[in-house]
Amino acid sequence: MFQVSPATVARWAREKRLVHVTTLGGQKRYPCGEVMRLAGAMGFAVSLVRGTRAKPR
């Protein structure tokens, strides 16, 4: 979405620019609302389209 490296996203999380939830396995999950908030703050045009979750294979 932002076309940045995973290291940049991790830095944003460390700097508390992007709120995340850490799973029991240590993975970071970023709530949709937080991603949308950051995108808006960075000047991206954002809109939330409901029902567009990825389908499992």
PDB file of N, CA and C in Angstrom:
ATOM      1  N   MET A   1       0.819  -1.195   0.000  1.00  0.00           N
ATOM      2  CA  MET A   1       0.000   0.000   0.000  1.00  0.00           C
ATOM      3  C   MET A   1       0.864   1.260   0.000  1.00  0.00           C
ATOM      4  N   PHE A   2       1.861   1.318   0.877  1.00  0.00           N
ATOM      5  CA  PHE A   2       2.712   2.509   0.969  1.00  0.00           C
ATOM      6  C   PHE A   2       3.943   2.403   0.083  1.00  0.00           C
ATOM      7  N   GLN A   3       4.199   1.211  -0.445  1.00  0.00           N
ATOM      8  CA  GLN A   3       5.382   0.945  -1.256  1.00  0.00           C
ATOM      9  C   GLN A   3       6.657   1.296  -0.488  1.00  0.00           C
ATOM     10  N   VAL A   4       6.748   0.803   0.750  1.00  0.00           N
ATOM     11  CA  VAL A   4       7.948   0.963   1.574  1.00  0.00           C
ATOM     12  C   VAL A   4       8.399  -0.427   2.018  1.00  0.00           C
ATOM     13  N   SER A   5       9.608  -0.517   2.502  1.00  0.00           N
ATOM     14  CA  SER A   5      10.148  -1.807   2.920  1.00  0.00           C
ATOM     15  C   SER A   5       9.554  -2.237   4.256  1.00  0.00           C
ATOM     16  N   PRO A   6       9.601  -3.536   4.535  1.00  0.00           N
ATOM     17  CA  PRO A   6       9.159  -4.022   5.849  1.00  0.00           C
ATOM     18  C   PRO A   6       9.929  -3.370   6.994  1.00  0.00           C
ATOM     19  N   ALA A   7      11.193  -3.031   6.766  1.00  0.00           N
ATOM     20  CA  ALA A   7      11.987  -2.362   7.797  1.00  0.00           C
ATOM     21  C   ALA A   7      11.410  -0.991   8.127  1.00  0.00           C
ATOM     22  N   THR A   8      10.881  -0.299   7.134  1.00  0.00           N
ATOM     23  CA  THR A   8      10.270   1.011   7.367  1.00  0.00           C
ATOM     24  C   THR A   8       9.001   0.865   8.198  1.00  0.00           C
ATOM     25  N   VAL A   9       8.191  -0.136   7.887  1.00  0.00           N
ATOM     26  CA  VAL A   9       6.969  -0.373   8.663  1.00  0.00           C
ATOM     27  C   VAL A   9       7.340  -0.713  10.107  1.00  0.00           C
ATOM     28  N   ALA A  10       8.373  -1.532  10.305  1.00  0.00           N
ATOM     29  CA  ALA A  10       8.826  -1.871  11.657  1.00  0.00           C
ATOM     30  C   ALA A  10       9.306  -0.627  12.400  1.00  0.00           C
ATOM     31  N   ARG A  11       9.992   0.265  11.708  1.00  0.00           N
ATOM     32  CA  ARG A  11      10.459   1.509  12.337  1.00  0.00           C
ATOM     33  C   ARG A  11       9.271   2.376  12.733  1.00  0.00           C
ATOM     34  N   TRP A  12       8.273   2.476  11.867  1.00  0.00           N
ATOM     35  CA  TRP A  12       7.072   3.249  12.199  1.00  0.00           C
ATOM     36  C   TRP A  12       6.408   2.675  13.450  1.00  0.00           C
ATOM     37  N   ALA A  13       6.388   1.347  13.569  1.00  0.00           N
ATOM     38  CA  ALA A  13       5.800   0.706  14.754  1.00  0.00           C
ATOM     39  C   ALA A  13       6.619   1.044  15.998  1.00  0.00           C
ATOM     40  N   ARG A  14       7.948   0.979  15.899  1.00  0.00           N
ATOM     41  CA  ARG A  14       8.819   1.333  17.038  1.00  0.00           C
ATOM     42  C   ARG A  14       8.633   2.782  17.452  1.00  0.00           C
ATOM     43  N   GLU A  15       8.484   3.655  16.480  1.00  0.00           N
ATOM     44  CA  GLU A  15       8.305   5.092  16.743  1.00  0.00           C
ATOM     45  C   GLU A  15       6.881   5.438  17.159  1.00  0.00           C
ATOM     46  N   LYS A  16       6.018   4.421  17.215  1.00  0.00           N
ATOM     47  CA  LYS A  16       4.611   4.588  17.589  1.00  0.00           C
ATOM     48  C   LYS A  16       3.834   5.452  16.599  1.00  0.00           C
ATOM     49  N   ARG A  17       4.319   5.502  15.354  1.00  0.00           N
ATOM     50  CA  ARG A  17       3.568   6.166  14.288  1.00  0.00           C
ATOM     51  C   ARG A  17       2.478   5.255  13.770  1.00  0.00           C
ATOM     52  N   LEU A  18       2.662   3.939  13.968  1.00  0.00           N
ATOM     53  CA  LEU A  18       1.701   2.941  13.503  1.00  0.00           C
ATOM     54  C   LEU A  18       1.465   1.959  14.641  1.00  0.00           C
ATOM     55  N   VAL A  19       0.265   1.998  15.197  1.00  0.00           N
ATOM     56  CA  VAL A  19      -0.090   1.129  16.319  1.00  0.00           C
ATOM     57  C   VAL A  19      -0.236  -0.299  15.805  1.00  0.00           C
ATOM     58  N   HIS A  20       0.244  -1.258  16.584  1.00  0.00           N
ATOM     59  CA  HIS A  20       0.140  -2.652  16.177  1.00  0.00           C
ATOM     60  C   HIS A  20      -0.258  -3.524  17.358  1.00  0.00           C
ATOM     61  N   VAL A  21      -0.683  -4.735  17.032  1.00  0.00           N
ATOM     62  CA  VAL A  21      -0.998  -5.755  18.022  1.00  0.00           C
ATOM     63  C   VAL A  21      -0.007  -6.887  17.781  1.00  0.00           C
ATOM     64  N   THR A  22       0.632  -7.363  18.844  1.00  0.00           N
ATOM     65  CA  THR A  22       1.580  -8.468  18.700  1.00  0.00           C
ATOM     66  C   THR A  22       0.875  -9.775  19.055  1.00  0.00           C
ATOM     67  N   THR A  23       0.972 -10.750  18.160  1.00  0.00           N
ATOM     68  CA  THR A  23       0.343 -12.048  18.387  1.00  0.00           C
ATOM     69  C   THR A  23       1.185 -12.854  19.369  1.00  0.00           C
ATOM     70  N   LEU A  24       0.640 -13.968  19.843  1.00  0.00           N
ATOM     71  CA  LEU A  24       1.387 -14.838  20.748  1.00  0.00           C
ATOM     72  C   LEU A  24       2.658 -15.367  20.095  1.00  0.00           C
ATOM     73  N   GLY A  25       2.646 -15.482  18.788  1.00  0.00           N
ATOM     74  CA  GLY A  25       3.825 -15.958  18.059  1.00  0.00           C
ATOM     75  C   GLY A  25       4.836 -14.867  17.766  1.00  0.00           C
ATOM     76  N   GLY A  26       4.571 -13.628  18.209  1.00  0.00           N
ATOM     77  CA  GLY A  26       5.519 -12.532  18.010  1.00  0.00           C
ATOM     78  C   GLY A  26       5.327 -11.750  16.723  1.00  0.00           C
ATOM     79  N   GLN A  27       4.330 -12.098  15.933  1.00  0.00           N
ATOM     80  CA  GLN A  27       4.060 -11.360  14.701  1.00  0.00           C
ATOM     81  C   GLN A  27       3.318 -10.068  15.026  1.00  0.00           C
ATOM     82  N   LYS A  28       3.536  -9.047  14.204  1.00  0.00           N
ATOM     83  CA  LYS A  28       2.818  -7.783  14.385  1.00  0.00           C
ATOM     84  C   LYS A  28       1.642  -7.747  13.418  1.00  0.00           C
ATOM     85  N   ARG A  29       0.516  -7.296  13.917  1.00  0.00           N
ATOM     86  CA  ARG A  29      -0.682  -7.111  13.101  1.00  0.00           C
ATOM     87  C   ARG A  29      -1.083  -5.646  13.216  1.00  0.00           C
ATOM     88  N   TYR A  30      -1.429  -5.054  12.090  1.00  0.00           N
ATOM     89  CA  TYR A  30      -1.768  -3.635  12.042  1.00  0.00           C
ATOM     90  C   TYR A  30      -3.255  -3.492  11.761  1.00  0.00           C
ATOM     91  N   PRO A  31      -4.027  -2.948  12.713  1.00  0.00           N
ATOM     92  CA  PRO A  31      -5.470  -2.777  12.490  1.00  0.00           C
ATOM     93  C   PRO A  31      -5.735  -1.893  11.268  1.00  0.00           C
ATOM     94  N   CYS A  32      -6.770  -2.245  10.536  1.00  0.00           N
ATOM     95  CA  CYS A  32      -7.128  -1.512   9.320  1.00  0.00           C
ATOM     96  C   CYS A  32      -7.278  -0.016   9.586  1.00  0.00           C
ATOM     97  N   GLY A  33      -7.933   0.331  10.685  1.00  0.00           N
ATOM     98  CA  GLY A  33      -8.140   1.744  11.013  1.00  0.00           C
ATOM     99  C   GLY A  33      -6.838   2.496  11.201  1.00  0.00           C
ATOM    100  N   GLU A  34      -5.842   1.827  11.771  1.00  0.00           N
ATOM    101  CA  GLU A  34      -4.539   2.463  11.963  1.00  0.00           C
ATOM    102  C   GLU A  34      -3.834   2.681  10.633  1.00  0.00           C
ATOM    103  N   VAL A  35      -3.917   1.697   9.752  1.00  0.00           N
ATOM    104  CA  VAL A  35      -3.312   1.833   8.428  1.00  0.00           C
ATOM    105  C   VAL A  35      -3.975   2.968   7.666  1.00  0.00           C
ATOM    106  N   MET A  36      -5.313   3.035   7.752  1.00  0.00           N
ATOM    107  CA  MET A  36      -6.035   4.104   7.071  1.00  0.00           C
ATOM    108  C   MET A  36      -5.684   5.471   7.658  1.00  0.00           C
ATOM    109  N   ARG A  37      -5.553   5.535   8.991  1.00  0.00           N
ATOM    110  CA  ARG A  37      -5.197   6.791   9.652  1.00  0.00           C
ATOM    111  C   ARG A  37      -3.827   7.270   9.174  1.00  0.00           C
ATOM    112  N   LEU A  38      -2.847   6.362   9.150  1.00  0.00           N
ATOM    113  CA  LEU A  38      -1.503   6.742   8.720  1.00  0.00           C
ATOM    114  C   LEU A  38      -1.493   7.140   7.253  1.00  0.00           C
ATOM    115  N   ALA A  39      -2.232   6.407   6.435  1.00  0.00           N
ATOM    116  CA  ALA A  39      -2.299   6.740   5.008  1.00  0.00           C
ATOM    117  C   ALA A  39      -2.862   8.147   4.812  1.00  0.00           C
ATOM    118  N   GLY A  40      -3.931   8.462   5.538  1.00  0.00           N
ATOM    119  CA  GLY A  40      -4.511   9.800   5.448  1.00  0.00           C
ATOM    120  C   GLY A  40      -3.542  10.872   5.910  1.00  0.00           C
ATOM    121  N   ALA A  41      -2.806  10.581   6.999  1.00  0.00           N
ATOM    122  CA  ALA A  41      -1.832  11.546   7.524  1.00  0.00           C
ATOM    123  C   ALA A  41      -0.679  11.761   6.543  1.00  0.00           C
ATOM    124  N   MET A  42      -0.400  10.740   5.714  1.00  0.00           N
ATOM    125  CA  MET A  42       0.684  10.850   4.735  1.00  0.00           C
ATOM    126  C   MET A  42       0.210  11.449   3.421  1.00  0.00           C
ATOM    127  N   GLY A  43      -1.094  11.789   3.334  1.00  0.00           N
ATOM    128  CA  GLY A  43      -1.597  12.443   2.140  1.00  0.00           C
ATOM    129  C   GLY A  43      -2.187  11.524   1.088  1.00  0.00           C
ATOM    130  N   PHE A  44      -2.321  10.234   1.405  1.00  0.00           N
ATOM    131  CA  PHE A  44      -2.959   9.313   0.465  1.00  0.00           C
ATOM    132  C   PHE A  44      -4.467   9.505   0.516  1.00  0.00           C
ATOM    133  N   ALA A  45      -5.121   9.365  -0.618  1.00  0.00           N
ATOM    134  CA  ALA A  45      -6.579   9.375  -0.646  1.00  0.00           C
ATOM    135  C   ALA A  45      -7.034   8.005  -0.164  1.00  0.00           C
ATOM    136  N   VAL A  46      -7.816   7.979   0.900  1.00  0.00           N
ATOM    137  CA  VAL A  46      -8.214   6.695   1.476  1.00  0.00           C
ATOM    138  C   VAL A  46      -9.727   6.570   1.512  1.00  0.00           C
ATOM    139  N   SER A  47     -10.174   5.338   1.326  1.00  0.00           N
ATOM    140  CA  SER A  47     -11.586   5.027   1.517  1.00  0.00           C
ATOM    141  C   SER A  47     -11.653   3.578   1.959  1.00  0.00           C
ATOM    142  N   LEU A  48     -12.582   3.296   2.832  1.00  0.00           N
ATOM    143  CA  LEU A  48     -12.743   1.953   3.356  1.00  0.00           C
ATOM    144  C   LEU A  48     -13.868   1.264   2.600  1.00  0.00           C
ATOM    145  N   VAL A  49     -13.527   0.208   1.919  1.00  0.00           N
ATOM    146  CA  VAL A  49     -14.516  -0.566   1.179  1.00  0.00           C
ATOM    147  C   VAL A  49     -14.787  -1.825   1.982  1.00  0.00           C
ATOM    148  N   ARG A  50     -16.013  -2.007   2.410  1.00  0.00           N
ATOM    149  CA  ARG A  50     -16.365  -3.148   3.247  1.00  0.00           C
ATOM    150  C   ARG A  50     -16.487  -4.408   2.399  1.00  0.00           C
ATOM    151  N   GLY A  51     -16.151  -5.533   3.023  1.00  0.00           N
ATOM    152  CA  GLY A  51     -16.336  -6.821   2.375  1.00  0.00           C
ATOM    153  C   GLY A  51     -15.278  -7.184   1.373  1.00  0.00           C
ATOM    154  N   THR A  52     -14.072  -6.618   1.494  1.00  0.00           N
ATOM    155  CA  THR A  52     -13.018  -6.908   0.526  1.00  0.00           C
ATOM    156  C   THR A  52     -11.867  -7.677   1.169  1.00  0.00           C
ATOM    157  N   ARG A  53     -12.153  -8.480   2.179  1.00  0.00           N
ATOM    158  CA  ARG A  53     -11.097  -9.254   2.825  1.00  0.00           C
ATOM    159  C   ARG A  53     -10.572 -10.302   1.865  1.00  0.00           C
ATOM    160  N   ALA A  54      -9.303 -10.632   2.011  1.00  0.00           N
ATOM    161  CA  ALA A  54      -8.707 -11.676   1.178  1.00  0.00           C
ATOM    162  C   ALA A  54      -9.353 -13.016   1.519  1.00  0.00           C
ATOM    163  N   LYS A  55      -9.604 -13.792   0.507  1.00  0.00           N
ATOM    164  CA  LYS A  55     -10.204 -15.102   0.705  1.00  0.00           C
ATOM    165  C   LYS A  55      -9.094 -16.151   0.860  1.00  0.00           C
ATOM    166  N   PRO A  56      -9.231 -17.073   1.816  1.00  0.00           N
ATOM    167  CA  PRO A  56      -8.212 -18.121   1.937  1.00  0.00           C
ATOM    168  C   PRO A  56      -8.222 -19.022   0.714  1.00  0.00           C
ATOM    169  N   ARG A  57      -7.079 -19.568   0.411  1.00  0.00           N
ATOM    170  CA  ARG A  57      -6.967 -20.463  -0.765  1.00  0.00           C
ATOM    171  C   ARG A  57      -7.420 -21.837  -0.437  1.00  0.00           C
TER     172      ARG A  57
END
